[in-house]
Amino acid sequence: MDAQPDINISALTHAALAARAALPALARSTAATRNLALMAAADALTTSQAAILHANSQDLLGATGTSAFQDRLRLDAGRLAAMAKGLRDVAALPDPLARTLAEWTRPNGLVISRIAQPLGVIGMIYESRPNVGADAAALAIKSGNAIILRGGSESFHSAAAIHAAILSGLRAAGLPDACVQVAPSTDRAFVAAMLSASGLIDLIIPRGGKSLVER
């Protein structure tokens, strides 16, 4: 019997439980703390440019497919600068948490308010573009959600290097590493495990082609 699916389920369970444990610290953090994490991560993307581009070159060496596909995978100084700017732009947005979305008064005088709160643990599945992981991590941190990122196997090294910069930002702000995690496996069974992880992951966001979204 092939044990690989069980390995992926175990890895996902470990990641999801770690994310769940980290969630309260992130959800209760101030907007200033979350913005600090984003700004520090943006700085780390800039200072780690050489390491990230080296990791990307490893992915490109193993890449097959069309020139358009390889272009989506490729990073350079300009694209890294745009990635860092994206994190800073998210930091500059208004705090999405603790906003009153609606409020009404019942006939008995009871005031009911609908307040914006984090969703919980998010799973993001995407394909070849390495910048998607940084964008998704930024939006998750800003909104107080923990996230597990599963990028395409072709961008594995790039995703790991970008994740290291995100971790630098979290640590600078005193937030747990497990707020943002990258899937430890390139096996497609890990995607299947994410899609069937009801109770562990609160929301799955697929970004990619029709075949991925339809799964």
N, C-alpha and C. Protein backbone atom coordinates (compact mmCIF):
# COMPACT_ATOMS: atom_id res chain seq x y z
N MET A 1 0.85 -1.20 0.00
CA MET A 1 0.00 0.00 0.00
C MET A 1 0.88 1.24 0.00
N ASP A 2 0.49 2.23 -0.78
CA ASP A 2 1.26 3.47 -0.87
C ASP A 2 0.98 4.33 0.35
N ALA A 3 2.05 4.65 1.10
CA ALA A 3 1.88 5.44 2.33
C ALA A 3 1.94 6.93 2.07
N GLN A 4 2.22 7.33 0.83
CA GLN A 4 2.43 8.75 0.55
C GLN A 4 1.23 9.63 0.93
N PRO A 5 -0.02 9.22 0.61
CA PRO A 5 -1.16 10.05 1.03
C PRO A 5 -1.20 10.28 2.53
N ASP A 6 -0.88 9.21 3.32
CA ASP A 6 -0.87 9.35 4.77
C ASP A 6 0.20 10.34 5.22
N ILE A 7 1.36 10.33 4.56
CA ILE A 7 2.42 11.27 4.89
C ILE A 7 1.95 12.71 4.66
N ASN A 8 1.28 12.94 3.54
CA ASN A 8 0.79 14.28 3.24
C ASN A 8 -0.30 14.72 4.20
N ILE A 9 -1.18 13.81 4.57
CA ILE A 9 -2.22 14.14 5.54
C ILE A 9 -1.60 14.50 6.88
N SER A 10 -0.58 13.74 7.29
CA SER A 10 0.11 14.01 8.55
C SER A 10 0.80 15.37 8.51
N ALA A 11 1.47 15.68 7.38
CA ALA A 11 2.16 16.97 7.25
C ALA A 11 1.17 18.12 7.28
N LEU A 12 0.04 17.95 6.60
CA LEU A 12 -0.97 19.00 6.59
C LEU A 12 -1.57 19.20 7.97
N THR A 13 -1.88 18.09 8.64
CA THR A 13 -2.45 18.19 9.98
C THR A 13 -1.51 18.94 10.91
N HIS A 14 -0.22 18.62 10.84
CA HIS A 14 0.77 19.32 11.67
C HIS A 14 0.78 20.81 11.36
N ALA A 15 0.78 21.17 10.07
CA ALA A 15 0.81 22.58 9.68
C ALA A 15 -0.46 23.30 10.12
N ALA A 16 -1.61 22.65 9.93
CA ALA A 16 -2.88 23.29 10.27
C ALA A 16 -3.02 23.50 11.77
N LEU A 17 -2.59 22.53 12.55
CA LEU A 17 -2.66 22.68 14.01
C LEU A 17 -1.72 23.77 14.49
N ALA A 18 -0.54 23.86 13.87
CA ALA A 18 0.39 24.95 14.22
C ALA A 18 -0.21 26.30 13.86
N ALA A 19 -0.86 26.38 12.70
CA ALA A 19 -1.51 27.62 12.29
C ALA A 19 -2.62 27.99 13.26
N ARG A 20 -3.39 26.99 13.67
CA ARG A 20 -4.50 27.23 14.61
C ARG A 20 -3.96 27.75 15.94
N ALA A 21 -2.83 27.19 16.38
CA ALA A 21 -2.24 27.62 17.65
C ALA A 21 -1.70 29.04 17.56
N ALA A 22 -1.21 29.42 16.36
CA ALA A 22 -0.64 30.77 16.17
C ALA A 22 -1.72 31.82 15.96
N LEU A 23 -2.90 31.38 15.57
CA LEU A 23 -3.96 32.31 15.18
C LEU A 23 -4.34 33.34 16.25
N PRO A 24 -4.51 32.95 17.53
CA PRO A 24 -4.91 33.96 18.52
C PRO A 24 -3.95 35.13 18.63
N ALA A 25 -2.64 34.86 18.58
CA ALA A 25 -1.66 35.95 18.68
C ALA A 25 -1.81 36.92 17.52
N LEU A 26 -2.04 36.38 16.33
CA LEU A 26 -2.20 37.24 15.15
C LEU A 26 -3.53 37.97 15.17
N ALA A 27 -4.60 37.26 15.51
CA ALA A 27 -5.93 37.87 15.51
C ALA A 27 -6.06 38.97 16.55
N ARG A 28 -5.35 38.83 17.67
CA ARG A 28 -5.43 39.84 18.73
C ARG A 28 -4.39 40.94 18.58
N SER A 29 -3.49 40.81 17.62
CA SER A 29 -2.43 41.81 17.46
C SER A 29 -3.00 43.14 16.99
N THR A 30 -2.28 44.19 17.28
CA THR A 30 -2.71 45.52 16.84
C THR A 30 -2.41 45.71 15.36
N ALA A 31 -3.08 46.68 14.77
CA ALA A 31 -2.80 47.01 13.37
C ALA A 31 -1.34 47.42 13.21
N ALA A 32 -0.81 48.13 14.20
CA ALA A 32 0.59 48.57 14.12
C ALA A 32 1.54 47.38 14.09
N THR A 33 1.24 46.34 14.86
CA THR A 33 2.08 45.14 14.87
C THR A 33 2.04 44.43 13.53
N ARG A 34 0.85 44.26 12.98
CA ARG A 34 0.72 43.59 11.69
C ARG A 34 1.38 44.40 10.57
N ASN A 35 1.25 45.71 10.65
CA ASN A 35 1.90 46.56 9.64
C ASN A 35 3.42 46.50 9.76
N LEU A 36 3.91 46.42 10.99
CA LEU A 36 5.36 46.27 11.20
C LEU A 36 5.86 44.98 10.56
N ALA A 37 5.10 43.90 10.72
CA ALA A 37 5.49 42.63 10.11
C ALA A 37 5.58 42.76 8.59
N LEU A 38 4.63 43.45 8.00
CA LEU A 38 4.63 43.62 6.54
C LEU A 38 5.78 44.49 6.07
N MET A 39 6.04 45.57 6.78
CA MET A 39 7.12 46.47 6.39
C MET A 39 8.48 45.77 6.54
N ALA A 40 8.64 45.02 7.64
CA ALA A 40 9.90 44.30 7.85
C ALA A 40 10.07 43.19 6.81
N ALA A 41 8.98 42.55 6.43
CA ALA A 41 9.07 41.52 5.39
C ALA A 41 9.45 42.14 4.05
N ALA A 42 8.90 43.31 3.76
CA ALA A 42 9.26 44.02 2.53
C ALA A 42 10.75 44.35 2.52
N ASP A 43 11.26 44.81 3.65
CA ASP A 43 12.70 45.11 3.75
C ASP A 43 13.52 43.83 3.55
N ALA A 44 13.04 42.72 4.11
CA ALA A 44 13.78 41.45 3.99
C ALA A 44 13.79 40.96 2.54
N LEU A 45 12.70 41.19 1.82
CA LEU A 45 12.70 40.83 0.40
C LEU A 45 13.80 41.58 -0.35
N THR A 46 13.98 42.84 0.02
CA THR A 46 15.00 43.66 -0.64
C THR A 46 16.41 43.22 -0.28
N THR A 47 16.64 43.02 1.02
CA THR A 47 17.99 42.65 1.46
C THR A 47 18.35 41.21 1.08
N SER A 48 17.35 40.38 0.84
CA SER A 48 17.59 38.98 0.47
C SER A 48 17.53 38.77 -1.04
N GLN A 49 17.64 39.84 -1.80
CA GLN A 49 17.47 39.75 -3.25
C GLN A 49 18.37 38.67 -3.87
N ALA A 50 19.65 38.65 -3.50
CA ALA A 50 20.58 37.69 -4.10
C ALA A 50 20.15 36.25 -3.83
N ALA A 51 19.76 35.97 -2.59
CA ALA A 51 19.35 34.61 -2.23
C ALA A 51 18.07 34.21 -2.95
N ILE A 52 17.13 35.14 -3.07
CA ILE A 52 15.86 34.83 -3.73
C ILE A 52 16.08 34.59 -5.22
N LEU A 53 16.90 35.42 -5.85
CA LEU A 53 17.16 35.25 -7.28
C LEU A 53 17.94 33.96 -7.54
N HIS A 54 18.82 33.59 -6.62
CA HIS A 54 19.54 32.31 -6.77
C HIS A 54 18.55 31.14 -6.69
N ALA A 55 17.64 31.21 -5.72
CA ALA A 55 16.63 30.15 -5.60
C ALA A 55 15.77 30.08 -6.86
N ASN A 56 15.42 31.25 -7.38
CA ASN A 56 14.61 31.29 -8.60
C ASN A 56 15.36 30.69 -9.79
N SER A 57 16.68 30.91 -9.83
CA SER A 57 17.47 30.33 -10.93
C SER A 57 17.46 28.81 -10.86
N GLN A 58 17.40 28.25 -9.65
CA GLN A 58 17.29 26.80 -9.50
C GLN A 58 15.97 26.29 -10.09
N ASP A 59 14.90 27.03 -9.82
CA ASP A 59 13.60 26.65 -10.38
C ASP A 59 13.61 26.75 -11.90
N LEU A 60 14.22 27.80 -12.41
CA LEU A 60 14.25 27.99 -13.86
C LEU A 60 15.05 26.90 -14.56
N LEU A 61 16.10 26.42 -13.90
CA LEU A 61 16.91 25.35 -14.49
C LEU A 61 16.10 24.08 -14.72
N GLY A 62 15.16 23.84 -13.82
CA GLY A 62 14.34 22.64 -13.94
C GLY A 62 13.02 22.86 -14.65
N ALA A 63 12.79 24.09 -15.11
CA ALA A 63 11.49 24.42 -15.70
C ALA A 63 11.37 23.90 -17.12
N THR A 64 10.20 23.42 -17.43
CA THR A 64 9.86 23.06 -18.80
C THR A 64 8.60 23.83 -19.16
N GLY A 65 8.19 23.74 -20.39
CA GLY A 65 6.97 24.43 -20.77
C GLY A 65 7.27 25.58 -21.70
N THR A 66 6.25 26.37 -21.96
CA THR A 66 6.36 27.45 -22.92
C THR A 66 7.19 28.61 -22.37
N SER A 67 7.57 29.50 -23.26
CA SER A 67 8.31 30.68 -22.83
C SER A 67 7.44 31.55 -21.93
N ALA A 68 6.14 31.57 -22.19
CA ALA A 68 5.23 32.35 -21.34
C ALA A 68 5.19 31.78 -19.93
N PHE A 69 5.19 30.47 -19.81
CA PHE A 69 5.21 29.82 -18.50
C PHE A 69 6.49 30.17 -17.76
N GLN A 70 7.62 30.09 -18.44
CA GLN A 70 8.89 30.40 -17.80
C GLN A 70 8.98 31.87 -17.41
N ASP A 71 8.34 32.74 -18.18
CA ASP A 71 8.33 34.15 -17.82
C ASP A 71 7.53 34.37 -16.54
N ARG A 72 6.43 33.64 -16.37
CA ARG A 72 5.64 33.77 -15.14
C ARG A 72 6.45 33.32 -13.93
N LEU A 73 7.31 32.34 -14.15
CA LEU A 73 8.13 31.80 -13.06
C LEU A 73 9.32 32.69 -12.73
N ARG A 74 9.81 33.43 -13.71
CA ARG A 74 11.07 34.18 -13.56
C ARG A 74 10.92 35.38 -12.63
N LEU A 75 11.93 35.58 -11.78
CA LEU A 75 12.04 36.77 -10.95
C LEU A 75 13.28 37.55 -11.36
N ASP A 76 13.22 38.86 -11.18
CA ASP A 76 14.39 39.71 -11.37
C ASP A 76 14.31 40.84 -10.36
N ALA A 77 15.27 41.74 -10.40
CA ALA A 77 15.31 42.82 -9.40
C ALA A 77 14.05 43.67 -9.45
N GLY A 78 13.56 43.93 -10.66
CA GLY A 78 12.36 44.74 -10.80
C GLY A 78 11.13 44.07 -10.22
N ARG A 79 10.99 42.78 -10.45
CA ARG A 79 9.83 42.06 -9.93
C ARG A 79 9.91 41.92 -8.41
N LEU A 80 11.11 41.75 -7.88
CA LEU A 80 11.25 41.71 -6.43
C LEU A 80 10.92 43.06 -5.80
N ALA A 81 11.33 44.14 -6.45
CA ALA A 81 11.00 45.48 -5.95
C ALA A 81 9.49 45.69 -5.95
N ALA A 82 8.82 45.20 -7.00
CA ALA A 82 7.37 45.32 -7.07
C ALA A 82 6.70 44.48 -5.98
N MET A 83 7.29 43.32 -5.69
CA MET A 83 6.76 42.47 -4.63
C MET A 83 6.85 43.16 -3.27
N ALA A 84 8.02 43.77 -3.01
CA ALA A 84 8.21 44.49 -1.75
C ALA A 84 7.26 45.68 -1.66
N LYS A 85 7.08 46.38 -2.76
CA LYS A 85 6.15 47.51 -2.78
C LYS A 85 4.73 47.04 -2.49
N GLY A 86 4.38 45.86 -3.00
CA GLY A 86 3.05 45.31 -2.75
C GLY A 86 2.81 45.11 -1.26
N LEU A 87 3.82 44.61 -0.55
CA LEU A 87 3.68 44.43 0.90
C LEU A 87 3.52 45.77 1.61
N ARG A 88 4.29 46.76 1.18
CA ARG A 88 4.18 48.08 1.80
C ARG A 88 2.83 48.72 1.50
N ASP A 89 2.32 48.48 0.31
CA ASP A 89 1.00 49.02 -0.05
C ASP A 89 -0.10 48.40 0.81
N VAL A 90 0.01 47.10 1.08
CA VAL A 90 -0.97 46.45 1.95
C VAL A 90 -0.87 47.00 3.37
N ALA A 91 0.35 47.23 3.84
CA ALA A 91 0.53 47.81 5.18
C ALA A 91 -0.13 49.17 5.29
N ALA A 92 -0.16 49.92 4.20
CA ALA A 92 -0.73 51.27 4.22
C ALA A 92 -2.25 51.29 4.17
N LEU A 93 -2.87 50.14 3.91
CA LEU A 93 -4.33 50.08 3.84
C LEU A 93 -4.94 50.23 5.23
N PRO A 94 -6.18 50.68 5.32
CA PRO A 94 -6.85 50.77 6.62
C PRO A 94 -6.97 49.38 7.26
N ASP A 95 -6.99 49.35 8.58
CA ASP A 95 -7.13 48.08 9.29
C ASP A 95 -8.50 47.48 9.00
N PRO A 96 -8.54 46.24 8.47
CA PRO A 96 -9.84 45.65 8.14
C PRO A 96 -10.56 45.04 9.35
N LEU A 97 -9.87 44.93 10.48
CA LEU A 97 -10.44 44.27 11.64
C LEU A 97 -11.14 45.25 12.58
N ALA A 98 -12.06 44.70 13.37
CA ALA A 98 -12.79 45.44 14.40
C ALA A 98 -13.64 46.57 13.83
N ARG A 99 -13.92 46.53 12.53
CA ARG A 99 -14.81 47.52 11.93
C ARG A 99 -16.26 47.09 12.14
N THR A 100 -17.12 48.04 12.39
CA THR A 100 -18.55 47.75 12.49
C THR A 100 -19.14 47.71 11.09
N LEU A 101 -19.56 46.53 10.67
CA LEU A 101 -20.10 46.34 9.33
C LEU A 101 -21.59 46.68 9.27
N ALA A 102 -22.26 46.44 10.37
CA ALA A 102 -23.69 46.75 10.44
C ALA A 102 -24.09 46.84 11.90
N GLU A 103 -25.12 47.60 12.17
CA GLU A 103 -25.59 47.74 13.55
C GLU A 103 -27.07 48.06 13.53
N TRP A 104 -27.83 47.41 14.39
CA TRP A 104 -29.26 47.69 14.46
C TRP A 104 -29.75 47.45 15.89
N THR A 105 -30.91 48.00 16.18
CA THR A 105 -31.50 47.90 17.51
C THR A 105 -32.78 47.09 17.45
N ARG A 106 -32.88 46.10 18.30
CA ARG A 106 -34.07 45.26 18.39
C ARG A 106 -35.20 46.02 19.08
N PRO A 107 -36.44 45.59 18.88
CA PRO A 107 -37.56 46.27 19.54
C PRO A 107 -37.43 46.36 21.05
N ASN A 108 -36.71 45.40 21.64
CA ASN A 108 -36.53 45.42 23.10
C ASN A 108 -35.39 46.33 23.54
N GLY A 109 -34.78 47.04 22.57
CA GLY A 109 -33.70 47.96 22.90
C GLY A 109 -32.31 47.36 22.81
N LEU A 110 -32.21 46.06 22.56
CA LEU A 110 -30.91 45.41 22.45
C LEU A 110 -30.21 45.85 21.16
N VAL A 111 -28.98 46.36 21.28
CA VAL A 111 -28.21 46.80 20.12
C VAL A 111 -27.33 45.64 19.64
N ILE A 112 -27.45 45.30 18.37
CA ILE A 112 -26.69 44.20 17.78
C ILE A 112 -25.73 44.78 16.75
N SER A 113 -24.47 44.38 16.83
CA SER A 113 -23.46 44.87 15.90
C SER A 113 -22.81 43.69 15.19
N ARG A 114 -22.50 43.88 13.92
CA ARG A 114 -21.73 42.90 13.16
C ARG A 114 -20.32 43.47 12.98
N ILE A 115 -19.34 42.81 13.60
CA ILE A 115 -17.97 43.32 13.64
C ILE A 115 -17.06 42.44 12.79
N ALA A 116 -16.19 43.05 12.00
CA ALA A 116 -15.26 42.31 11.15
C ALA A 116 -14.23 41.57 12.01
N GLN A 117 -14.09 40.28 11.76
CA GLN A 117 -13.16 39.43 12.49
C GLN A 117 -12.39 38.54 11.50
N PRO A 118 -11.23 38.02 11.90
CA PRO A 118 -10.51 37.10 11.01
C PRO A 118 -11.33 35.85 10.71
N LEU A 119 -11.08 35.26 9.54
CA LEU A 119 -11.76 34.02 9.16
C LEU A 119 -11.18 32.81 9.88
N GLY A 120 -9.86 32.81 10.08
CA GLY A 120 -9.22 31.67 10.74
C GLY A 120 -7.99 31.21 9.99
N VAL A 121 -7.95 29.93 9.64
CA VAL A 121 -6.82 29.35 8.90
C VAL A 121 -7.21 29.24 7.43
N ILE A 122 -6.42 29.85 6.57
CA ILE A 122 -6.68 29.86 5.13
C ILE A 122 -5.66 28.97 4.43
N GLY A 123 -6.12 28.24 3.45
CA GLY A 123 -5.24 27.48 2.57
C GLY A 123 -5.25 28.11 1.19
N MET A 124 -4.07 28.45 0.68
CA MET A 124 -3.95 29.08 -0.64
C MET A 124 -3.20 28.14 -1.57
N ILE A 125 -3.86 27.76 -2.67
CA ILE A 125 -3.25 26.87 -3.66
C ILE A 125 -3.08 27.66 -4.95
N TYR A 126 -1.85 27.74 -5.43
CA TYR A 126 -1.61 28.52 -6.64
C TYR A 126 -0.56 27.81 -7.50
N GLU A 127 -0.32 28.36 -8.67
CA GLU A 127 0.55 27.68 -9.62
C GLU A 127 1.92 28.35 -9.69
N SER A 128 2.36 28.78 -10.84
CA SER A 128 3.78 29.05 -11.03
C SER A 128 4.29 30.41 -10.56
N ARG A 129 3.44 31.39 -10.41
CA ARG A 129 3.93 32.75 -10.10
C ARG A 129 4.39 32.85 -8.65
N PRO A 130 5.69 33.05 -8.39
CA PRO A 130 6.17 33.12 -7.01
C PRO A 130 5.61 34.30 -6.23
N ASN A 131 5.28 35.40 -6.92
CA ASN A 131 4.80 36.59 -6.21
C ASN A 131 3.45 36.36 -5.55
N VAL A 132 2.69 35.38 -6.03
CA VAL A 132 1.36 35.14 -5.46
C VAL A 132 1.46 34.78 -3.98
N GLY A 133 2.48 34.01 -3.61
CA GLY A 133 2.66 33.65 -2.22
C GLY A 133 2.89 34.86 -1.33
N ALA A 134 3.70 35.80 -1.80
CA ALA A 134 3.95 37.02 -1.02
C ALA A 134 2.69 37.86 -0.90
N ASP A 135 1.95 37.98 -1.99
CA ASP A 135 0.70 38.76 -1.96
C ASP A 135 -0.31 38.14 -0.99
N ALA A 136 -0.46 36.82 -1.07
CA ALA A 136 -1.42 36.13 -0.21
C ALA A 136 -1.02 36.23 1.26
N ALA A 137 0.28 36.07 1.53
CA ALA A 137 0.76 36.19 2.91
C ALA A 137 0.50 37.58 3.46
N ALA A 138 0.73 38.60 2.64
CA ALA A 138 0.51 39.98 3.08
C ALA A 138 -0.94 40.22 3.45
N LEU A 139 -1.85 39.77 2.60
CA LEU A 139 -3.28 39.98 2.87
C LEU A 139 -3.73 39.19 4.09
N ALA A 140 -3.17 37.99 4.28
CA ALA A 140 -3.52 37.20 5.45
C ALA A 140 -3.05 37.88 6.73
N ILE A 141 -1.81 38.33 6.75
CA ILE A 141 -1.28 39.01 7.94
C ILE A 141 -2.11 40.26 8.24
N LYS A 142 -2.38 41.05 7.23
CA LYS A 142 -3.13 42.29 7.41
C LYS A 142 -4.50 42.02 8.03
N SER A 143 -5.13 40.93 7.61
CA SER A 143 -6.49 40.64 8.06
C SER A 143 -6.53 39.70 9.27
N GLY A 144 -5.37 39.39 9.84
CA GLY A 144 -5.33 38.59 11.05
C GLY A 144 -5.58 37.11 10.86
N ASN A 145 -5.36 36.61 9.66
CA ASN A 145 -5.58 35.20 9.36
C ASN A 145 -4.26 34.45 9.21
N ALA A 146 -4.20 33.23 9.71
CA ALA A 146 -3.05 32.36 9.45
C ALA A 146 -3.25 31.74 8.07
N ILE A 147 -2.14 31.43 7.39
CA ILE A 147 -2.25 30.92 6.02
C ILE A 147 -1.23 29.82 5.76
N ILE A 148 -1.66 28.82 5.01
CA ILE A 148 -0.78 27.76 4.52
C ILE A 148 -0.73 27.89 3.01
N LEU A 149 0.46 28.08 2.47
CA LEU A 149 0.64 28.32 1.04
C LEU A 149 1.14 27.06 0.35
N ARG A 150 0.48 26.71 -0.74
CA ARG A 150 0.95 25.58 -1.54
C ARG A 150 1.08 26.06 -2.98
N GLY A 151 2.31 26.42 -3.36
CA GLY A 151 2.56 26.86 -4.72
C GLY A 151 2.86 25.69 -5.63
N GLY A 152 3.05 25.99 -6.89
CA GLY A 152 3.39 24.94 -7.85
C GLY A 152 4.76 24.36 -7.56
N SER A 153 4.94 23.08 -7.85
CA SER A 153 6.22 22.42 -7.59
C SER A 153 7.36 23.07 -8.35
N GLU A 154 7.04 23.70 -9.50
CA GLU A 154 8.08 24.33 -10.31
C GLU A 154 8.66 25.57 -9.65
N SER A 155 7.96 26.15 -8.66
CA SER A 155 8.46 27.35 -7.99
C SER A 155 8.84 27.07 -6.53
N PHE A 156 9.14 25.83 -6.21
CA PHE A 156 9.37 25.42 -4.83
C PHE A 156 10.51 26.20 -4.17
N HIS A 157 11.66 26.32 -4.85
CA HIS A 157 12.81 27.01 -4.25
C HIS A 157 12.53 28.50 -4.08
N SER A 158 11.89 29.10 -5.07
CA SER A 158 11.55 30.53 -4.99
C SER A 158 10.60 30.78 -3.82
N ALA A 159 9.59 29.92 -3.68
CA ALA A 159 8.61 30.08 -2.61
C ALA A 159 9.27 29.98 -1.25
N ALA A 160 10.22 29.06 -1.11
CA ALA A 160 10.91 28.90 0.18
C ALA A 160 11.73 30.14 0.52
N ALA A 161 12.40 30.71 -0.47
CA ALA A 161 13.22 31.91 -0.23
C ALA A 161 12.36 33.12 0.11
N ILE A 162 11.24 33.26 -0.57
CA ILE A 162 10.31 34.35 -0.27
C ILE A 162 9.71 34.15 1.12
N HIS A 163 9.39 32.91 1.45
CA HIS A 163 8.84 32.61 2.77
C HIS A 163 9.82 32.99 3.88
N ALA A 164 11.10 32.80 3.64
CA ALA A 164 12.11 33.19 4.64
C ALA A 164 12.05 34.68 4.93
N ALA A 165 11.80 35.48 3.90
CA ALA A 165 11.67 36.93 4.10
C ALA A 165 10.40 37.26 4.88
N ILE A 166 9.32 36.55 4.60
CA ILE A 166 8.07 36.76 5.35
C ILE A 166 8.28 36.42 6.82
N LEU A 167 9.00 35.33 7.08
CA LEU A 167 9.28 34.94 8.47
C LEU A 167 10.09 36.02 9.18
N SER A 168 11.01 36.65 8.48
CA SER A 168 11.79 37.74 9.08
C SER A 168 10.86 38.86 9.54
N GLY A 169 9.86 39.15 8.73
CA GLY A 169 8.90 40.17 9.09
C GLY A 169 8.07 39.79 10.30
N LEU A 170 7.59 38.56 10.34
CA LEU A 170 6.81 38.09 11.49
C LEU A 170 7.64 38.17 12.77
N ARG A 171 8.89 37.74 12.69
CA ARG A 171 9.75 37.75 13.88
C ARG A 171 10.04 39.16 14.35
N ALA A 172 10.22 40.07 13.41
CA ALA A 172 10.47 41.47 13.78
C ALA A 172 9.30 42.06 14.55
N ALA A 173 8.10 41.56 14.26
CA ALA A 173 6.90 42.07 14.93
C ALA A 173 6.50 41.23 16.13
N GLY A 174 7.27 40.18 16.42
CA GLY A 174 6.96 39.32 17.56
C GLY A 174 5.78 38.40 17.33
N LEU A 175 5.50 38.06 16.08
CA LEU A 175 4.39 37.17 15.75
C LEU A 175 4.92 35.77 15.45
N PRO A 176 4.13 34.73 15.70
CA PRO A 176 4.60 33.35 15.51
C PRO A 176 4.91 33.02 14.05
N ASP A 177 5.94 32.21 13.85
CA ASP A 177 6.28 31.75 12.50
C ASP A 177 5.12 31.05 11.81
N ALA A 178 4.33 30.32 12.60
CA ALA A 178 3.27 29.49 12.01
C ALA A 178 2.11 30.30 11.46
N CYS A 179 2.16 31.61 11.60
CA CYS A 179 1.13 32.45 10.97
C CYS A 179 1.15 32.31 9.46
N VAL A 180 2.35 32.11 8.90
CA VAL A 180 2.50 31.91 7.45
C VAL A 180 3.39 30.70 7.24
N GLN A 181 2.84 29.67 6.61
CA GLN A 181 3.60 28.45 6.35
C GLN A 181 3.55 28.11 4.86
N VAL A 182 4.59 27.43 4.41
CA VAL A 182 4.65 26.93 3.04
C VAL A 182 4.56 25.41 3.10
N ALA A 183 3.77 24.84 2.23
CA ALA A 183 3.62 23.38 2.19
C ALA A 183 4.99 22.72 2.08
N PRO A 184 5.27 21.74 2.92
CA PRO A 184 6.58 21.09 2.90
C PRO A 184 6.75 20.08 1.78
N SER A 185 5.69 19.83 1.04
CA SER A 185 5.72 18.79 0.01
C SER A 185 5.29 19.35 -1.34
N THR A 186 5.93 18.86 -2.40
CA THR A 186 5.51 19.21 -3.76
C THR A 186 4.57 18.15 -4.33
N ASP A 187 4.28 17.14 -3.54
CA ASP A 187 3.40 16.06 -4.00
C ASP A 187 1.98 16.58 -4.19
N ARG A 188 1.34 16.16 -5.27
CA ARG A 188 -0.03 16.60 -5.53
C ARG A 188 -1.01 16.08 -4.49
N ALA A 189 -0.61 15.02 -3.80
CA ALA A 189 -1.47 14.50 -2.74
C ALA A 189 -1.64 15.51 -1.61
N PHE A 190 -0.68 16.43 -1.47
CA PHE A 190 -0.81 17.46 -0.44
C PHE A 190 -1.96 18.39 -0.78
N VAL A 191 -2.13 18.68 -2.07
CA VAL A 191 -3.27 19.51 -2.50
C VAL A 191 -4.57 18.80 -2.17
N ALA A 192 -4.63 17.51 -2.46
CA ALA A 192 -5.84 16.74 -2.15
C ALA A 192 -6.12 16.75 -0.65
N ALA A 193 -5.05 16.67 0.15
CA ALA A 193 -5.22 16.71 1.60
C ALA A 193 -5.76 18.06 2.05
N MET A 194 -5.28 19.14 1.43
CA MET A 194 -5.79 20.47 1.77
C MET A 194 -7.27 20.60 1.43
N LEU A 195 -7.65 20.09 0.26
CA LEU A 195 -9.03 20.22 -0.19
C LEU A 195 -10.00 19.41 0.65
N SER A 196 -9.50 18.40 1.33
CA SER A 196 -10.37 17.56 2.16
C SER A 196 -10.19 17.83 3.65
N ALA A 197 -9.55 18.94 3.98
CA ALA A 197 -9.19 19.21 5.38
C ALA A 197 -10.27 19.99 6.12
N SER A 198 -11.49 19.58 5.98
CA SER A 198 -12.59 20.23 6.70
C SER A 198 -12.35 20.14 8.20
N GLY A 199 -12.50 21.26 8.88
CA GLY A 199 -12.24 21.30 10.32
C GLY A 199 -10.83 21.72 10.67
N LEU A 200 -9.91 21.60 9.71
CA LEU A 200 -8.54 22.04 9.92
C LEU A 200 -8.27 23.37 9.23
N ILE A 201 -8.80 23.51 8.02
CA ILE A 201 -8.65 24.75 7.25
C ILE A 201 -10.04 25.35 7.05
N ASP A 202 -10.17 26.62 7.36
CA ASP A 202 -11.49 27.26 7.32
C ASP A 202 -11.89 27.72 5.92
N LEU A 203 -10.90 28.04 5.10
CA LEU A 203 -11.19 28.55 3.76
C LEU A 203 -10.07 28.14 2.81
N ILE A 204 -10.42 27.59 1.66
CA ILE A 204 -9.45 27.27 0.62
C ILE A 204 -9.62 28.26 -0.53
N ILE A 205 -8.51 28.85 -0.98
CA ILE A 205 -8.54 29.76 -2.12
C ILE A 205 -7.65 29.18 -3.21
N PRO A 206 -8.23 28.71 -4.31
CA PRO A 206 -7.41 28.25 -5.44
C PRO A 206 -7.18 29.39 -6.42
N ARG A 207 -5.97 29.50 -6.93
CA ARG A 207 -5.67 30.51 -7.94
C ARG A 207 -4.87 29.84 -9.05
N GLY A 208 -5.49 29.73 -10.21
CA GLY A 208 -4.79 29.08 -11.30
C GLY A 208 -5.73 28.71 -12.42
N GLY A 209 -5.37 27.69 -13.15
CA GLY A 209 -6.14 27.27 -14.30
C GLY A 209 -7.43 26.57 -13.93
N LYS A 210 -8.22 26.29 -14.94
CA LYS A 210 -9.54 25.69 -14.76
C LYS A 210 -9.47 24.37 -14.02
N SER A 211 -8.48 23.54 -14.34
CA SER A 211 -8.39 22.22 -13.72
C SER A 211 -8.15 22.32 -12.22
N LEU A 212 -7.35 23.31 -11.80
CA LEU A 212 -7.09 23.50 -10.37
C LEU A 212 -8.35 23.98 -9.67
N VAL A 213 -9.00 24.99 -10.22
CA VAL A 213 -10.18 25.57 -9.58
C VAL A 213 -11.30 24.55 -9.47
N GLU A 214 -11.45 23.70 -10.48
CA GLU A 214 -12.54 22.72 -10.48
C GLU A 214 -12.34 21.63 -9.44
N ARG A 215 -11.13 21.44 -8.96
CA ARG A 215 -10.87 20.40 -7.95
C ARG A 215 -11.52 20.76 -6.63
